[in-house]
C-alpha atoms as a PDB file:
ATOM      1  CA  MET A   1     -16.675  -1.776  41.978  1.00  0.00           C
ATOM      2  CA  LYS A   2     -19.358  -4.020  40.553  1.00  0.00           C
ATOM      3  CA  LYS A   3     -22.711  -3.695  42.289  1.00  0.00           C
ATOM      4  CA  ASN A   4     -24.042  -6.776  44.029  1.00  0.00           C
ATOM      5  CA  PHE A   5     -27.824  -6.648  43.714  1.00  0.00           C
ATOM      6  CA  GLU A   6     -30.126  -8.122  46.332  1.00  0.00           C
ATOM      7  CA  ILE A   7     -33.915  -8.200  45.984  1.00  0.00           C
ATOM      8  CA  LYS A   8     -36.468  -7.864  48.761  1.00  0.00           C
ATOM      9  CA  ILE A   9     -40.105  -8.850  48.131  1.00  0.00           C
ATOM     10  CA  GLU A  10     -42.646  -6.181  49.170  1.00  0.00           C
ATOM     11  CA  HIS A  11     -46.396  -6.820  49.019  1.00  0.00           C
ATOM     12  CA  THR A  12     -48.685  -3.904  48.173  1.00  0.00           C
ATOM     13  CA  SER A  13     -52.283  -2.963  48.947  1.00  0.00           C
ATOM     14  CA  ASN A  14     -53.202  -4.419  45.544  1.00  0.00           C
ATOM     15  CA  PRO A  15     -53.062  -8.249  45.861  1.00  0.00           C
ATOM     16  CA  ASN A  16     -52.146  -8.588  42.171  1.00  0.00           C
ATOM     17  CA  ILE A  17     -49.096  -6.309  42.407  1.00  0.00           C
ATOM     18  CA  VAL A  18     -45.825  -7.160  44.135  1.00  0.00           C
ATOM     19  CA  LYS A  19     -42.756  -4.931  44.363  1.00  0.00           C
ATOM     20  CA  PHE A  20     -39.275  -6.407  44.043  1.00  0.00           C
ATOM     21  CA  GLU A  21     -37.113  -3.817  45.796  1.00  0.00           C
ATOM     22  CA  ALA A  22     -33.396  -3.571  44.974  1.00  0.00           C
ATOM     23  CA  ASN A  23     -30.563  -2.351  47.192  1.00  0.00           C
ATOM     24  CA  HIS A  24     -29.183  -0.219  44.333  1.00  0.00           C
ATOM     25  CA  PHE A  25     -30.869   2.206  41.950  1.00  0.00           C
ATOM     26  CA  LEU A  26     -32.052   0.707  38.670  1.00  0.00           C
ATOM     27  CA  THR A  27     -32.677   3.930  36.723  1.00  0.00           C
ATOM     28  CA  GLN A  28     -31.307   7.432  37.067  1.00  0.00           C
ATOM     29  CA  HIS A  29     -34.515   9.437  37.301  1.00  0.00           C
ATOM     30  CA  THR A  30     -37.290   7.913  35.253  1.00  0.00           C
ATOM     31  CA  SER A  31     -40.067   5.442  36.031  1.00  0.00           C
ATOM     32  CA  TYR A  32     -41.414   3.165  33.289  1.00  0.00           C
ATOM     33  CA  GLU A  33     -44.631   1.234  32.738  1.00  0.00           C
ATOM     34  CA  PHE A  34     -44.906  -1.542  30.140  1.00  0.00           C
ATOM     35  CA  GLU A  35     -48.206  -3.225  29.240  1.00  0.00           C
ATOM     36  CA  ASN A  36     -46.811  -5.785  26.803  1.00  0.00           C
ATOM     37  CA  ILE A  37     -43.582  -7.114  25.338  1.00  0.00           C
ATOM     38  CA  ASP A  38     -43.706  -4.729  22.358  1.00  0.00           C
ATOM     39  CA  GLN A  39     -43.799  -1.687  24.624  1.00  0.00           C
ATOM     40  CA  ALA A  40     -40.799  -3.111  26.502  1.00  0.00           C
ATOM     41  CA  LYS A  41     -38.440  -3.027  23.494  1.00  0.00           C
ATOM     42  CA  ASN A  42     -36.069  -0.629  25.331  1.00  0.00           C
ATOM     43  CA  SER A  43     -36.030  -2.767  28.501  1.00  0.00           C
ATOM     44  CA  PRO A  44     -34.435  -6.217  28.174  1.00  0.00           C
ATOM     45  CA  LEU A  45     -35.399  -6.971  31.791  1.00  0.00           C
ATOM     46  CA  ALA A  46     -39.092  -6.212  31.222  1.00  0.00           C
ATOM     47  CA  GLN A  47     -39.043  -8.222  27.992  1.00  0.00           C
ATOM     48  CA  GLN A  48     -37.665 -11.217  29.872  1.00  0.00           C
ATOM     49  CA  LEU A  49     -40.361 -10.883  32.530  1.00  0.00           C
ATOM     50  CA  PHE A  50     -43.126 -10.846  29.889  1.00  0.00           C
ATOM     51  CA  TYR A  51     -42.112 -14.396  28.926  1.00  0.00           C
ATOM     52  CA  LEU A  52     -43.719 -15.430  32.219  1.00  0.00           C
ATOM     53  CA  PRO A  53     -47.338 -16.186  31.226  1.00  0.00           C
ATOM     54  CA  PHE A  54     -48.876 -14.597  34.323  1.00  0.00           C
ATOM     55  CA  VAL A  55     -47.212 -11.176  33.896  1.00  0.00           C
ATOM     56  CA  LYS A  56     -49.756  -8.539  32.935  1.00  0.00           C
ATOM     57  CA  ARG A  57     -47.789  -5.294  33.423  1.00  0.00           C
ATOM     58  CA  VAL A  58     -44.265  -4.364  34.485  1.00  0.00           C
ATOM     59  CA  PHE A  59     -43.274  -1.173  36.287  1.00  0.00           C
ATOM     60  CA  ILE A  60     -39.624  -0.173  36.672  1.00  0.00           C
ATOM     61  CA  ALA A  61     -38.800   2.664  39.067  1.00  0.00           C
ATOM     62  CA  GLN A  62     -35.625   3.982  40.649  1.00  0.00           C
ATOM     63  CA  ASN A  63     -35.101   1.150  43.107  1.00  0.00           C
ATOM     64  CA  PHE A  64     -37.761  -1.454  42.377  1.00  0.00           C
ATOM     65  CA  VAL A  65     -39.533  -3.569  39.775  1.00  0.00           C
ATOM     66  CA  ALA A  66     -43.277  -4.020  40.303  1.00  0.00           C
ATOM     67  CA  ILE A  67     -45.296  -6.677  38.518  1.00  0.00           C
ATOM     68  CA  ASP A  68     -49.055  -6.786  38.013  1.00  0.00           C
ATOM     69  CA  LYS A  69     -50.157 -10.394  37.425  1.00  0.00           C
ATOM     70  CA  TYR A  70     -53.116 -12.197  35.897  1.00  0.00           C
ATOM     71  CA  ASP A  71     -55.275 -14.306  38.195  1.00  0.00           C
ATOM     72  CA  ILE A  72     -53.998 -17.655  36.873  1.00  0.00           C
ATOM     73  CA  VAL A  73     -51.433 -17.876  39.711  1.00  0.00           C
ATOM     74  CA  GLU A  74     -51.045 -16.741  43.310  1.00  0.00           C
ATOM     75  CA  TRP A  75     -48.012 -14.662  44.242  1.00  0.00           C
ATOM     76  CA  ASN A  76     -47.190 -17.035  47.098  1.00  0.00           C
ATOM     77  CA  ASP A  77     -46.483 -19.729  44.522  1.00  0.00           C
ATOM     78  CA  VAL A  78     -44.220 -17.732  42.197  1.00  0.00           C
ATOM     79  CA  GLU A  79     -42.782 -14.652  43.946  1.00  0.00           C
ATOM     80  CA  GLU A  80     -39.560 -16.332  45.139  1.00  0.00           C
ATOM     81  CA  GLU A  81     -38.861 -17.598  41.614  1.00  0.00           C
ATOM     82  CA  VAL A  82     -39.492 -14.143  40.126  1.00  0.00           C
ATOM     83  CA  SER A  83     -37.310 -12.518  42.774  1.00  0.00           C
ATOM     84  CA  GLU A  84     -34.438 -14.873  41.922  1.00  0.00           C
ATOM     85  CA  GLN A  85     -34.880 -14.218  38.196  1.00  0.00           C
ATOM     86  CA  ILE A  86     -34.738 -10.428  38.674  1.00  0.00           C
ATOM     87  CA  GLU A  87     -31.743 -10.666  41.013  1.00  0.00           C
ATOM     88  CA  LYS A  88     -29.874 -12.938  38.599  1.00  0.00           C
ATOM     89  CA  TYR A  89     -30.586 -10.579  35.691  1.00  0.00           C
ATOM     90  CA  LEU A  90     -29.418  -7.497  37.601  1.00  0.00           C
ATOM     91  CA  ASN A  91     -26.183  -9.215  38.609  1.00  0.00           C
ATOM     92  CA  SER A  92     -25.500 -10.204  34.996  1.00  0.00           C
ATOM     93  CA  ASP A  93     -24.521  -6.582  34.260  1.00  0.00           C
ATOM     94  CA  GLN A  94     -27.050  -6.229  31.438  1.00  0.00           C
ATOM     95  CA  PRO A  95     -28.989  -2.960  31.041  1.00  0.00           C
ATOM     96  CA  VAL A  96     -32.299  -2.562  32.873  1.00  0.00           C
ATOM     97  CA  VAL A  97     -33.559   0.119  30.509  1.00  0.00           C
ATOM     98  CA  THR A  98     -31.785   1.584  27.496  1.00  0.00           C
ATOM     99  CA  GLU A  99     -32.216   5.281  28.183  1.00  0.00           C
ATOM    100  CA  THR A 100     -31.809   7.734  25.313  1.00  0.00           C
ATOM    101  CA  GLU A 101     -30.216  11.156  25.668  1.00  0.00           C
ATOM    102  CA  ASN A 102     -33.671  12.696  25.399  1.00  0.00           C
ATOM    103  CA  ASN A 103     -35.031  10.979  28.476  1.00  0.00           C
ATOM    104  CA  GLN A 104     -31.898  10.944  30.629  1.00  0.00           C
ATOM    105  CA  LYS A 105     -32.175  14.523  31.840  1.00  0.00           C
ATOM    106  CA  ILE A 106     -35.274  14.861  33.985  1.00  0.00           C
ATOM    107  CA  PRO A 107     -36.131  18.172  35.696  1.00  0.00           C
ATOM    108  CA  VAL A 108     -35.199  18.084  39.371  1.00  0.00           C
ATOM    109  CA  THR A 109     -36.708  20.462  41.892  1.00  0.00           C
ATOM    110  CA  ILE A 110     -35.078  21.254  45.226  1.00  0.00           C
ATOM    111  CA  TYR A 111     -36.700  23.241  47.995  1.00  0.00           C
ATOM    112  CA  ALA A 112     -35.213  24.318  51.316  1.00  0.00           C
ATOM    113  CA  GLU A 113     -37.015  23.514  54.538  1.00  0.00           C
ATOM    114  CA  SER A 114     -36.142  24.878  57.977  1.00  0.00           C
ATOM    115  CA  THR A 115     -35.435  22.502  60.872  1.00  0.00           C
ATOM    116  CA  PRO A 116     -35.552  22.962  64.649  1.00  0.00           C
ATOM    117  CA  ASN A 117     -31.776  23.393  64.472  1.00  0.00           C
ATOM    118  CA  PRO A 118     -30.943  26.929  63.202  1.00  0.00           C
ATOM    119  CA  ALA A 119     -27.557  25.693  61.938  1.00  0.00           C
ATOM    120  CA  VAL A 120     -29.198  23.075  59.663  1.00  0.00           C
ATOM    121  CA  LEU A 121     -31.374  23.356  56.559  1.00  0.00           C
ATOM    122  CA  LYS A 122     -33.103  20.425  54.894  1.00  0.00           C
ATOM    123  CA  PHE A 123     -32.930  20.390  51.071  1.00  0.00           C
ATOM    124  CA  VAL A 124     -35.748  18.211  49.699  1.00  0.00           C
ATOM    125  CA  ALA A 125     -35.712  16.737  46.173  1.00  0.00           C
ATOM    126  CA  ASN A 126     -38.601  15.493  44.019  1.00  0.00           C
ATOM    127  CA  LYS A 127     -36.784  12.166  43.551  1.00  0.00           C
ATOM    128  CA  LYS A 128     -35.359   9.463  45.760  1.00  0.00           C
ATOM    129  CA  LEU A 129     -31.659   9.973  46.438  1.00  0.00           C
ATOM    130  CA  VAL A 130     -30.682   7.015  48.634  1.00  0.00           C
ATOM    131  CA  THR A 131     -32.326   3.921  50.074  1.00  0.00           C
ATOM    132  CA  ALA A 132     -30.967   4.415  53.623  1.00  0.00           C
ATOM    133  CA  GLY A 133     -29.589   7.219  55.798  1.00  0.00           C
ATOM    134  CA  HIS A 134     -25.893   8.213  55.628  1.00  0.00           C
ATOM    135  CA  GLU A 135     -24.083  10.737  57.836  1.00  0.00           C
ATOM    136  CA  PHE A 136     -20.892  12.590  56.862  1.00  0.00           C
ATOM    137  CA  LYS A 137     -18.962  14.551  59.501  1.00  0.00           C
ATOM    138  CA  ASN A 138     -16.146  15.657  57.200  1.00  0.00           C
ATOM    139  CA  ILE A 139     -14.686  15.190  53.720  1.00  0.00           C
ATOM    140  CA  ASP A 140     -12.845  12.010  54.777  1.00  0.00           C
ATOM    141  CA  ASP A 141     -16.183  10.417  55.659  1.00  0.00           C
ATOM    142  CA  ALA A 142     -17.398  11.312  52.153  1.00  0.00           C
ATOM    143  CA  LYS A 143     -14.925   9.252  50.122  1.00  0.00           C
ATOM    144  CA  GLU A 144     -17.811   7.037  48.942  1.00  0.00           C
ATOM    145  CA  SER A 145     -20.107   9.959  48.059  1.00  0.00           C
ATOM    146  CA  PRO A 146     -19.068  12.145  45.115  1.00  0.00           C
ATOM    147  CA  LEU A 147     -21.969  14.511  45.847  1.00  0.00           C
ATOM    148  CA  VAL A 148     -21.002  15.093  49.471  1.00  0.00           C
ATOM    149  CA  GLN A 149     -17.332  15.496  48.546  1.00  0.00           C
ATOM    150  CA  GLU A 150     -18.313  18.398  46.307  1.00  0.00           C
ATOM    151  CA  LEU A 151     -20.508  19.876  49.042  1.00  0.00           C
ATOM    152  CA  PHE A 152     -17.550  19.883  51.439  1.00  0.00           C
ATOM    153  CA  HIS A 153     -15.647  22.037  48.943  1.00  0.00           C
ATOM    154  CA  LEU A 154     -18.081  24.800  49.884  1.00  0.00           C
ATOM    155  CA  PRO A 155     -16.292  26.512  52.834  1.00  0.00           C
ATOM    156  CA  PHE A 156     -19.462  26.974  54.892  1.00  0.00           C
ATOM    157  CA  VAL A 157     -20.548  23.299  54.874  1.00  0.00           C
ATOM    158  CA  LYS A 158     -19.834  21.655  58.239  1.00  0.00           C
ATOM    159  CA  GLU A 159     -21.697  18.309  58.139  1.00  0.00           C
ATOM    160  CA  VAL A 160     -24.072  16.472  55.771  1.00  0.00           C
ATOM    161  CA  TYR A 161     -26.795  13.884  56.352  1.00  0.00           C
ATOM    162  CA  ILE A 162     -28.629  12.201  53.424  1.00  0.00           C
ATOM    163  CA  ASP A 163     -31.755  10.080  53.694  1.00  0.00           C
ATOM    164  CA  GLU A 164     -34.522   9.084  51.251  1.00  0.00           C
ATOM    165  CA  ASN A 165     -35.228  12.283  49.239  1.00  0.00           C
ATOM    166  CA  TYR A 166     -33.505  14.965  51.314  1.00  0.00           C
ATOM    167  CA  ILE A 167     -30.092  16.317  52.297  1.00  0.00           C
ATOM    168  CA  SER A 168     -29.618  18.014  55.671  1.00  0.00           C
ATOM    169  CA  ILE A 169     -26.697  20.436  55.646  1.00  0.00           C
ATOM    170  CA  SER A 170     -25.098  21.854  58.784  1.00  0.00           C
ATOM    171  CA  LYS A 171     -23.255  25.165  58.280  1.00  0.00           C
ATOM    172  CA  TYR A 172     -20.520  27.037  60.087  1.00  0.00           C
ATOM    173  CA  ASP A 173     -21.521  30.256  61.873  1.00  0.00           C
ATOM    174  CA  MET A 174     -19.471  32.335  59.408  1.00  0.00           C
ATOM    175  CA  ALA A 175     -22.295  32.088  56.858  1.00  0.00           C
ATOM    176  CA  ASP A 176     -25.910  33.207  56.909  1.00  0.00           C
ATOM    177  CA  TRP A 177     -28.584  30.980  55.342  1.00  0.00           C
ATOM    178  CA  ASN A 178     -29.996  33.992  53.484  1.00  0.00           C
ATOM    179  CA  ASP A 179     -26.692  34.307  51.610  1.00  0.00           C
ATOM    180  CA  ILE A 180     -26.019  30.659  50.746  1.00  0.00           C
ATOM    181  CA  THR A 181     -29.368  28.833  50.392  1.00  0.00           C
ATOM    182  CA  ILE A 182     -29.863  29.659  46.701  1.00  0.00           C
ATOM    183  CA  GLU A 183     -26.274  28.647  45.905  1.00  0.00           C
ATOM    184  CA  ILE A 184     -26.750  25.228  47.563  1.00  0.00           C
ATOM    185  CA  ARG A 185     -30.137  24.664  45.919  1.00  0.00           C
ATOM    186  CA  GLU A 186     -28.745  25.423  42.462  1.00  0.00           C
ATOM    187  CA  PHE A 187     -25.692  23.233  43.019  1.00  0.00           C
ATOM    188  CA  LEU A 188     -27.834  20.270  44.116  1.00  0.00           C
ATOM    189  CA  ARG A 189     -30.339  20.740  41.300  1.00  0.00           C
ATOM    190  CA  ASN A 190     -27.625  20.880  38.604  1.00  0.00           C
ATOM    191  CA  TYR A 191     -25.740  17.928  40.077  1.00  0.00           C
ATOM    192  CA  LEU A 192     -28.799  15.684  40.221  1.00  0.00           C
ATOM    193  CA  GLU A 193     -30.135  16.716  36.795  1.00  0.00           C
ATOM    194  CA  GLN A 194     -26.850  15.555  35.255  1.00  0.00           C
ATOM    195  CA  GLY A 195     -27.496  12.093  36.709  1.00  0.00           C
ATOM    196  CA  LYS A 196     -24.269  12.092  38.698  1.00  0.00           C
ATOM    197  CA  GLU A 197     -23.683   9.526  41.419  1.00  0.00           C
ATOM    198  CA  VAL A 198     -24.896  10.315  44.951  1.00  0.00           C
ATOM    199  CA  LEU A 199     -23.300   7.262  46.575  1.00  0.00           C
ATOM    200  CA  SER A 200     -20.835   4.722  45.254  1.00  0.00           C
ATOM    201  CA  ALA A 201     -21.544   1.001  45.275  1.00  0.00           C
ATOM    202  CA  ASN A 202     -19.052   0.684  48.154  1.00  0.00           C
ATOM    203  CA  ALA A 203     -21.166   2.975  50.355  1.00  0.00           C
ATOM    204  CA  VAL A 204     -24.289   0.895  49.738  1.00  0.00           C
ATOM    205  CA  VAL A 205     -22.434  -2.348  50.505  1.00  0.00           C
ATOM    206  CA  SER A 206     -20.983  -0.844  53.702  1.00  0.00           C
ATOM    207  CA  LYS A 207     -24.435   0.310  54.786  1.00  0.00           C
ATOM    208  CA  LYS A 208     -25.852  -3.139  54.058  1.00  0.00           C
ATOM    209  CA  GLU A 209     -23.175  -4.741  56.230  1.00  0.00           C
ATOM    210  CA  ILE A 210     -23.902  -2.285  59.045  1.00  0.00           C
ATOM    211  CA  GLU A 211     -27.627  -3.065  58.837  1.00  0.00           C
ATOM    212  CA  LYS A 212     -26.965  -6.812  58.907  1.00  0.00           C
ATOM    213  CA  GLN A 213     -24.782  -6.333  61.976  1.00  0.00           C
ATOM    214  CA  ALA A 214     -27.515  -4.214  63.568  1.00  0.00           C
ATOM    215  CA  ASP A 215     -29.994  -7.060  62.990  1.00  0.00           C
ATOM    216  CA  LEU A 216     -27.613  -9.493  64.688  1.00  0.00           C
ATOM    217  CA  ASP A 217     -27.067  -7.072  67.564  1.00  0.00           C
ATOM    218  CA  PHE A 218     -30.834  -6.667  67.958  1.00  0.00           C
ATOM    219  CA  GLU A 219     -31.249 -10.402  68.499  1.00  0.00           C
ATOM    220  CA  ASN A 220     -28.741 -10.225  71.357  1.00  0.00           C
ATOM    221  CA  LEU A 221     -30.577  -7.417  73.172  1.00  0.00           C
ATOM    222  CA  ASP A 222     -32.669  -7.937  76.292  1.00  0.00           C
ATOM    223  CA  ASP A 223     -36.458  -7.701  75.955  1.00  0.00           C
ATOM    224  CA  VAL A 224     -36.717  -4.104  77.234  1.00  0.00           C
ATOM    225  CA  SER A 225     -34.028  -2.910  74.810  1.00  0.00           C
ATOM    226  CA  LYS A 226     -35.862  -4.634  71.942  1.00  0.00           C
ATOM    227  CA  ASP A 227     -39.071  -2.833  72.956  1.00  0.00           C
ATOM    228  CA  ILE A 228     -37.205   0.496  73.014  1.00  0.00           C
ATOM    229  CA  VAL A 229     -35.741  -0.118  69.535  1.00  0.00           C
ATOM    230  CA  ASN A 230     -39.179  -1.007  68.138  1.00  0.00           C
ATOM    231  CA  ILE A 231     -40.777   2.128  69.651  1.00  0.00           C
ATOM    232  CA  ILE A 232     -37.993   4.319  68.240  1.00  0.00           C
ATOM    233  CA  GLU A 233     -38.359   2.768  64.765  1.00  0.00           C
ATOM    234  CA  GLU A 234     -42.160   2.926  64.644  1.00  0.00           C
ATOM    235  CA  TYR A 235     -43.073   6.115  66.495  1.00  0.00           C
ATOM    236  CA  ILE A 236     -40.043   8.365  66.956  1.00  0.00           C
ATOM    237  CA  LYS A 237     -37.909   7.967  63.839  1.00  0.00           C
ATOM    238  CA  PRO A 238     -40.555   9.216  61.332  1.00  0.00           C
ATOM    239  CA  ALA A 239     -41.077  12.417  63.353  1.00  0.00           C
ATOM    240  CA  VAL A 240     -37.325  12.995  63.654  1.00  0.00           C
ATOM    241  CA  ALA A 241     -36.873  12.384  59.899  1.00  0.00           C
ATOM    242  CA  SER A 242     -39.443  15.062  59.111  1.00  0.00           C
ATOM    243  CA  ASP A 243     -37.117  17.499  60.905  1.00  0.00           C
ATOM    244  CA  GLY A 244     -34.161  16.410  58.771  1.00  0.00           C
ATOM    245  CA  GLY A 245     -32.531  14.131  61.335  1.00  0.00           C
ATOM    246  CA  ASN A 246     -32.205  10.584  62.563  1.00  0.00           C
ATOM    247  CA  ILE A 247     -32.198   8.755  65.901  1.00  0.00           C
ATOM    248  CA  LEU A 248     -30.510   5.463  66.755  1.00  0.00           C
ATOM    249  CA  PHE A 249     -30.662   3.307  69.873  1.00  0.00           C
ATOM    250  CA  ASP A 250     -27.324   3.110  71.699  1.00  0.00           C
ATOM    251  CA  SER A 251     -27.895   1.318  75.016  1.00  0.00           C
ATOM    252  CA  TYR A 252     -30.198   0.631  77.970  1.00  0.00           C
ATOM    253  CA  ASP A 253     -29.079   0.308  81.589  1.00  0.00           C
ATOM    254  CA  PRO A 254     -31.551  -1.835  83.580  1.00  0.00           C
ATOM    255  CA  LYS A 255     -30.102  -0.612  86.906  1.00  0.00           C
ATOM    256  CA  SER A 256     -30.535   3.113  86.330  1.00  0.00           C
ATOM    257  CA  LYS A 257     -33.342   2.552  83.799  1.00  0.00           C
ATOM    258  CA  GLY A 258     -31.542   5.008  81.513  1.00  0.00           C
ATOM    259  CA  VAL A 259     -31.666   4.988  77.717  1.00  0.00           C
ATOM    260  CA  LYS A 260     -28.920   6.393  75.490  1.00  0.00           C
ATOM    261  CA  VAL A 261     -29.701   7.377  71.911  1.00  0.00           C
ATOM    262  CA  ILE A 262     -27.586   8.790  69.074  1.00  0.00           C
ATOM    263  CA  LEU A 263     -28.825  11.870  67.232  1.00  0.00           C
ATOM    264  CA  GLN A 264     -27.806  12.500  63.618  1.00  0.00           C
ATOM    265  CA  GLY A 265     -28.427  15.132  60.961  1.00  0.00           C
ATOM    266  CA  ALA A 266     -30.396  18.195  62.031  1.00  0.00           C
ATOM    267  CA  CYS A 267     -30.930  16.698  65.501  1.00  0.00           C
ATOM    268  CA  SER A 268     -27.213  16.501  66.270  1.00  0.00           C
ATOM    269  CA  GLY A 269     -26.233  19.502  68.385  1.00  0.00           C
ATOM    270  CA  CYS A 270     -29.692  21.031  68.019  1.00  0.00           C
ATOM    271  CA  PRO A 271     -30.481  23.547  70.810  1.00  0.00           C
ATOM    272  CA  SER A 272     -34.023  22.173  71.090  1.00  0.00           C
ATOM    273  CA  SER A 273     -32.966  18.500  71.201  1.00  0.00           C
ATOM    274  CA  THR A 274     -32.948  18.499  75.022  1.00  0.00           C
ATOM    275  CA  PHE A 275     -36.540  19.720  75.051  1.00  0.00           C
ATOM    276  CA  THR A 276     -37.490  17.123  72.424  1.00  0.00           C
ATOM    277  CA  LEU A 277     -35.852  14.367  74.443  1.00  0.00           C
ATOM    278  CA  LYS A 278     -37.515  15.292  77.728  1.00  0.00           C
ATOM    279  CA  ASN A 279     -40.955  16.220  76.448  1.00  0.00           C
ATOM    280  CA  GLY A 280     -41.215  13.812  73.541  1.00  0.00           C
ATOM    281  CA  ILE A 281     -39.022  10.740  73.472  1.00  0.00           C
ATOM    282  CA  GLU A 282     -38.585  10.324  77.222  1.00  0.00           C
ATOM    283  CA  ASN A 283     -42.274  10.798  77.979  1.00  0.00           C
ATOM    284  CA  MET A 284     -43.266   8.347  75.240  1.00  0.00           C
ATOM    285  CA  LEU A 285     -40.900   5.633  76.465  1.00  0.00           C
ATOM    286  CA  LYS A 286     -41.986   6.161  80.081  1.00  0.00           C
ATOM    287  CA  GLU A 287     -45.636   5.922  79.108  1.00  0.00           C
ATOM    288  CA  MET A 288     -45.279   2.888  76.840  1.00  0.00           C
ATOM    289  CA  LEU A 289     -42.835   0.962  79.022  1.00  0.00           C
ATOM    290  CA  LYS A 290     -44.240   2.081  82.399  1.00  0.00           C
ATOM    291  CA  ASP A 291     -41.654   1.698  85.185  1.00  0.00           C
ATOM    292  CA  LYS A 292     -38.832   0.407  82.961  1.00  0.00           C
ATOM    293  CA  VAL A 293     -37.498   3.799  81.752  1.00  0.00           C
ATOM    294  CA  GLU A 294     -36.510   6.743  83.971  1.00  0.00           C
ATOM    295  CA  TYR A 295     -34.568   9.024  81.627  1.00  0.00           C
ATOM    296  CA  VAL A 296     -33.171   9.384  78.075  1.00  0.00           C
ATOM    297  CA  GLU A 297     -29.711  10.736  77.307  1.00  0.00           C
ATOM    298  CA  ALA A 298     -28.622  11.932  73.861  1.00  0.00           C
ATOM    299  CA  LEU A 299     -25.256  11.376  72.235  1.00  0.00           C
ATOM    300  CA  ASN A 300     -24.586  13.522  69.179  1.00  0.00           C
ATOM    301  CA  GLY A 301     -23.707  11.396  66.162  1.00  0.00           C
END
């Protein structure tokens, strides 16, 4: 399936540099920096961008293009035009960077990190794997992820959750982490070093559609539910992600003042999730929303 690229404009702490973030990966592993059109001879996209007189430097990373400009223009005046140009180029099916065999294979490191759930380990990579979280309960769920399909061929793998630069793997009780951790680390390292696909274009499109629907659903929520979603996104989700999991808002009942959330990854079925809910999430929502929340209930994803 052909990838349909969409570009999102992201401002940075440097007023001269703007990131144009793509919904698909642009390079396999490598980041590039070009200071002029001659240096960009192996990147037709960067060469095209240097024809814009205000472009000083071009950076191309896994999922974004960043441009450093001269002071002759303000980004507010040109960023939409540049965004459209990049999006049009990416959808033309031309190469972003012509990578040689020598620079295609980049060393990948994987380290295992424990989580509060003893049945789940978090395998962290030194590169970005996906642009959004994906959960896989079984091999049927993994039809759009070649990597996860191969993981499910390992008899001890029960569930998989991928987000940003890590993979949380839930195991069956038949196996001990001491016996299988090295095997999983080596498998992941070899797979990623070969530049194989983590997710298909279909998976990214599906996720995009889900996110768009979530945005529409958010607009239809009552004010308290919107506040709960914003608190989860800003304060709770980053902490949960550091433990190899994810949390999603499910519903709010104004009568009982109860909140239901969905736990994914390492948090799903975790023995300590009840404690986390009561002493962390529930207390935070009660404190920030005063008398509007009485309890939080977890649904395993």
